[in-house]
Structure formats: structure tokens, C-alpha cells
Amino acid sequence: MTDQNTVAFHEIKQAITGLDADGVDAYAADRPGGAQALLDLVFANLPGAFLPERAGDQNISFQYVITSGGEIHRYHAVVSDGVCTAGRGDVESPNVTMTMDLAVFLQVLVGTMAPVRAFLTRKIKVSGEMMAATKFESWFARP
């Protein structure tokens, strides 16, 4: 993880730890550019947190549908040939689509909520290749 990634993810973790969903939404809304800018920051830094040795030769695309304040934000992450790319928008024919609200996404991202718990409590809806969804988290360094 690069220094820039570390700062971005640590800042988010510090800001949202202990907050409920409304508090996380307020944190995002109060940032310059709101939730969209915060998600842009997260997905811009995601490739820097990627650990290619953990993904091996996997080639998988992920679609994220993240809701916040009545808006829907669509992002993607693609792991292919040991490289991760990520950004705003849709990916064609994703292997996995995950739908969740912003608070859950950020809490899972920084490790204050377990992804399995979020899935089992239906805070994350997953469609597509479930096995790929369960592996994805381990391919990235955590703050």
C-alpha cells in the first residue's frame, strides 16, 4: 500500500469508527464533493492497496452499486493478469455485483464491519459468482 493509499484509508477509518450509518452518511456529505468525491477517492486508491500475489492468476470483475442520500453510485474493480484497475461507472459483464449503502461499504472497506456479517444480515446483496466475492477482500491491504 502506498503512502497516499495509507493516508486516505486511515483517514476514513479514523473518521467513521464508532459512527452509525447516519453518522457515516453525514461524514461523507460534509466532505468537499460529498459521497461521490469520497467514493472517487476510495476507488482511485484501490489499485494501490492491491496485493497481486494473493490474487494469483485470477481474472475477475466486480460491479459496486452504492446508495447514499437517495443517489446511486456505480463503481467497478477489475483484477486481470496481476493488475487491479478501478473507477467510476459500469464494467461489462461483471463476475460479481455487490449492492450496499455507503456506510456498509466504508465500514467493510476499513475493517470495522466483517463482510460475511454484512452479507448474512443482508446489508450487502451479492449476485454472480459467490466464491469470487468471498476471495476479493483478501486481495487488498487493510488500513
Protein backbone atom coordinates (compact mmCIF):
# COMPACT_ATOMS: atom_id res chain seq x y z
CA MET A 1 0.00 0.00 0.00
CA THR A 2 1.43 3.36 -0.98
CA ASP A 3 1.70 6.24 1.47
CA GLN A 4 -1.15 8.06 -0.29
CA ASN A 5 -3.38 4.98 -0.02
CA THR A 6 -2.49 4.54 3.62
CA VAL A 7 -3.35 8.16 4.45
CA ALA A 8 -6.66 8.03 2.57
CA PHE A 9 -7.82 4.76 4.14
CA HIS A 10 -6.56 5.63 7.63
CA GLU A 11 -8.32 8.99 7.47
CA ILE A 12 -11.58 7.33 6.51
CA LYS A 13 -11.19 4.64 9.17
CA GLN A 14 -10.47 7.19 11.89
CA ALA A 15 -13.41 9.36 10.83
CA ILE A 16 -16.05 6.60 10.69
CA THR A 17 -15.02 4.31 13.54
CA GLY A 18 -17.81 4.31 16.11
CA LEU A 19 -20.33 6.04 13.85
CA ASP A 20 -23.68 4.56 12.94
CA ALA A 21 -24.94 4.63 9.35
CA ASP A 22 -26.37 8.14 9.72
CA GLY A 23 -23.05 9.38 11.10
CA VAL A 24 -21.12 7.84 8.20
CA ASP A 25 -23.53 9.42 5.72
CA ALA A 26 -23.08 12.80 7.44
CA TYR A 27 -19.28 12.41 7.28
CA ALA A 28 -19.49 11.74 3.54
CA ALA A 29 -21.95 14.57 2.92
CA ASP A 30 -19.75 17.07 4.80
CA ARG A 31 -16.67 16.31 2.69
CA PRO A 32 -15.97 18.55 -0.31
CA GLY A 33 -17.77 16.91 -3.22
CA GLY A 34 -19.86 14.73 -0.90
CA ALA A 35 -20.25 10.97 -1.22
CA GLN A 36 -19.29 10.98 -4.91
CA ALA A 37 -15.90 12.57 -4.21
CA LEU A 38 -15.29 10.22 -1.28
CA LEU A 39 -16.04 7.18 -3.44
CA ASP A 40 -13.83 8.58 -6.22
CA LEU A 41 -11.00 8.81 -3.67
CA VAL A 42 -11.55 5.25 -2.46
CA PHE A 43 -11.66 3.71 -5.92
CA ALA A 44 -8.70 5.78 -7.15
CA ASN A 45 -6.65 4.37 -4.26
CA LEU A 46 -7.90 0.79 -4.51
CA PRO A 47 -5.27 -0.36 -7.07
CA GLY A 48 -2.51 0.84 -4.72
CA ALA A 49 -3.83 -1.44 -1.98
CA PHE A 50 -3.96 -4.46 -4.30
CA LEU A 51 -1.77 -7.43 -3.37
CA PRO A 52 -1.25 -9.29 -6.68
CA GLU A 53 0.45 -12.26 -5.05
CA ARG A 54 -2.79 -13.04 -3.21
CA ALA A 55 -4.94 -12.88 -6.34
CA GLY A 56 -2.62 -15.12 -8.33
CA ASP A 57 -3.86 -15.65 -11.88
CA GLN A 58 -7.47 -14.67 -11.15
CA ASN A 59 -9.30 -12.56 -13.74
CA ILE A 60 -12.47 -11.21 -12.15
CA SER A 61 -14.57 -8.07 -12.49
CA PHE A 62 -16.66 -6.56 -9.72
CA GLN A 63 -19.51 -4.10 -10.02
CA TYR A 64 -20.43 -1.98 -7.00
CA VAL A 65 -23.81 -0.32 -6.64
CA ILE A 66 -23.59 2.02 -3.66
CA THR A 67 -26.51 4.08 -2.40
CA SER A 68 -26.24 7.29 -0.42
CA GLY A 69 -28.71 10.08 0.21
CA GLY A 70 -31.13 8.78 -2.39
CA GLU A 71 -28.42 8.63 -5.07
CA ILE A 72 -26.97 5.53 -6.71
CA HIS A 73 -23.21 5.45 -7.31
CA ARG A 74 -21.80 2.83 -9.67
CA TYR A 75 -18.15 1.79 -9.49
CA HIS A 76 -16.10 -1.16 -10.64
CA ALA A 77 -12.90 -3.02 -9.85
CA VAL A 78 -11.23 -5.38 -12.30
CA VAL A 79 -8.46 -7.82 -11.43
CA SER A 80 -6.72 -9.18 -14.50
CA ASP A 81 -3.24 -10.60 -15.05
CA GLY A 82 -1.99 -9.44 -11.66
CA VAL A 83 -3.22 -5.86 -12.06
CA CYS A 84 -6.16 -4.08 -10.45
CA THR A 85 -7.98 -1.21 -12.10
CA ALA A 86 -10.92 0.58 -10.53
CA GLY A 87 -13.11 3.58 -11.12
CA ARG A 88 -16.47 5.15 -11.62
CA GLY A 89 -19.05 3.53 -13.87
CA ASP A 90 -20.04 0.09 -15.01
CA VAL A 91 -17.93 -2.83 -16.13
CA GLU A 92 -19.21 -5.04 -18.93
CA SER A 93 -20.45 -8.47 -17.78
CA PRO A 94 -19.19 -8.37 -14.18
CA ASN A 95 -18.48 -11.67 -12.43
CA VAL A 96 -19.89 -10.23 -9.20
CA THR A 97 -22.28 -7.37 -8.47
CA MET A 98 -22.47 -6.07 -4.90
CA THR A 99 -25.16 -3.65 -3.78
CA MET A 100 -24.98 -1.85 -0.44
CA ASP A 101 -25.32 1.54 1.18
CA LEU A 102 -22.37 3.87 1.60
CA ALA A 103 -21.99 3.27 5.34
CA VAL A 104 -21.72 -0.50 4.89
CA PHE A 105 -19.27 -0.11 2.00
CA LEU A 106 -16.97 2.15 4.03
CA GLN A 107 -17.24 0.04 7.19
CA VAL A 108 -16.29 -3.10 5.27
CA LEU A 109 -13.52 -1.22 3.46
CA VAL A 110 -11.77 -0.13 6.64
CA GLY A 111 -12.48 -3.32 8.57
CA THR A 112 -14.99 -2.10 11.14
CA MET A 113 -17.63 -4.45 9.72
CA ALA A 114 -16.97 -8.02 8.62
CA PRO A 115 -18.10 -8.63 5.04
CA VAL A 116 -19.57 -12.02 5.93
CA ARG A 117 -21.62 -10.43 8.71
CA ALA A 118 -22.81 -7.72 6.33
CA PHE A 119 -23.86 -10.36 3.80
CA LEU A 120 -25.58 -12.59 6.36
CA THR A 121 -27.53 -9.63 7.75
CA ARG A 122 -28.48 -8.65 4.17
CA LYS A 123 -26.64 -5.35 4.29
CA ILE A 124 -24.77 -6.46 1.17
CA LYS A 125 -26.60 -8.08 -1.71
CA VAL A 126 -24.39 -10.18 -3.96
CA SER A 127 -25.22 -11.57 -7.36
CA GLY A 128 -22.94 -13.59 -9.59
CA GLU A 129 -20.01 -15.74 -8.54
CA MET A 130 -20.22 -16.01 -4.75
CA MET A 131 -16.80 -17.65 -4.42
CA ALA A 132 -15.16 -14.73 -6.19
CA ALA A 133 -16.90 -12.31 -3.84
CA THR A 134 -15.55 -14.12 -0.79
CA LYS A 135 -11.95 -14.05 -2.07
CA PHE A 136 -11.85 -10.42 -3.17
CA GLU A 137 -11.38 -8.90 0.28
CA SER A 138 -8.18 -10.85 0.92
CA TRP A 139 -6.55 -9.42 -2.22
CA PHE A 140 -6.19 -5.96 -0.65
CA ALA A 141 -4.18 -4.49 2.22
CA ARG A 142 -6.26 -3.04 5.03
CA PRO A 143 -5.53 0.17 6.89
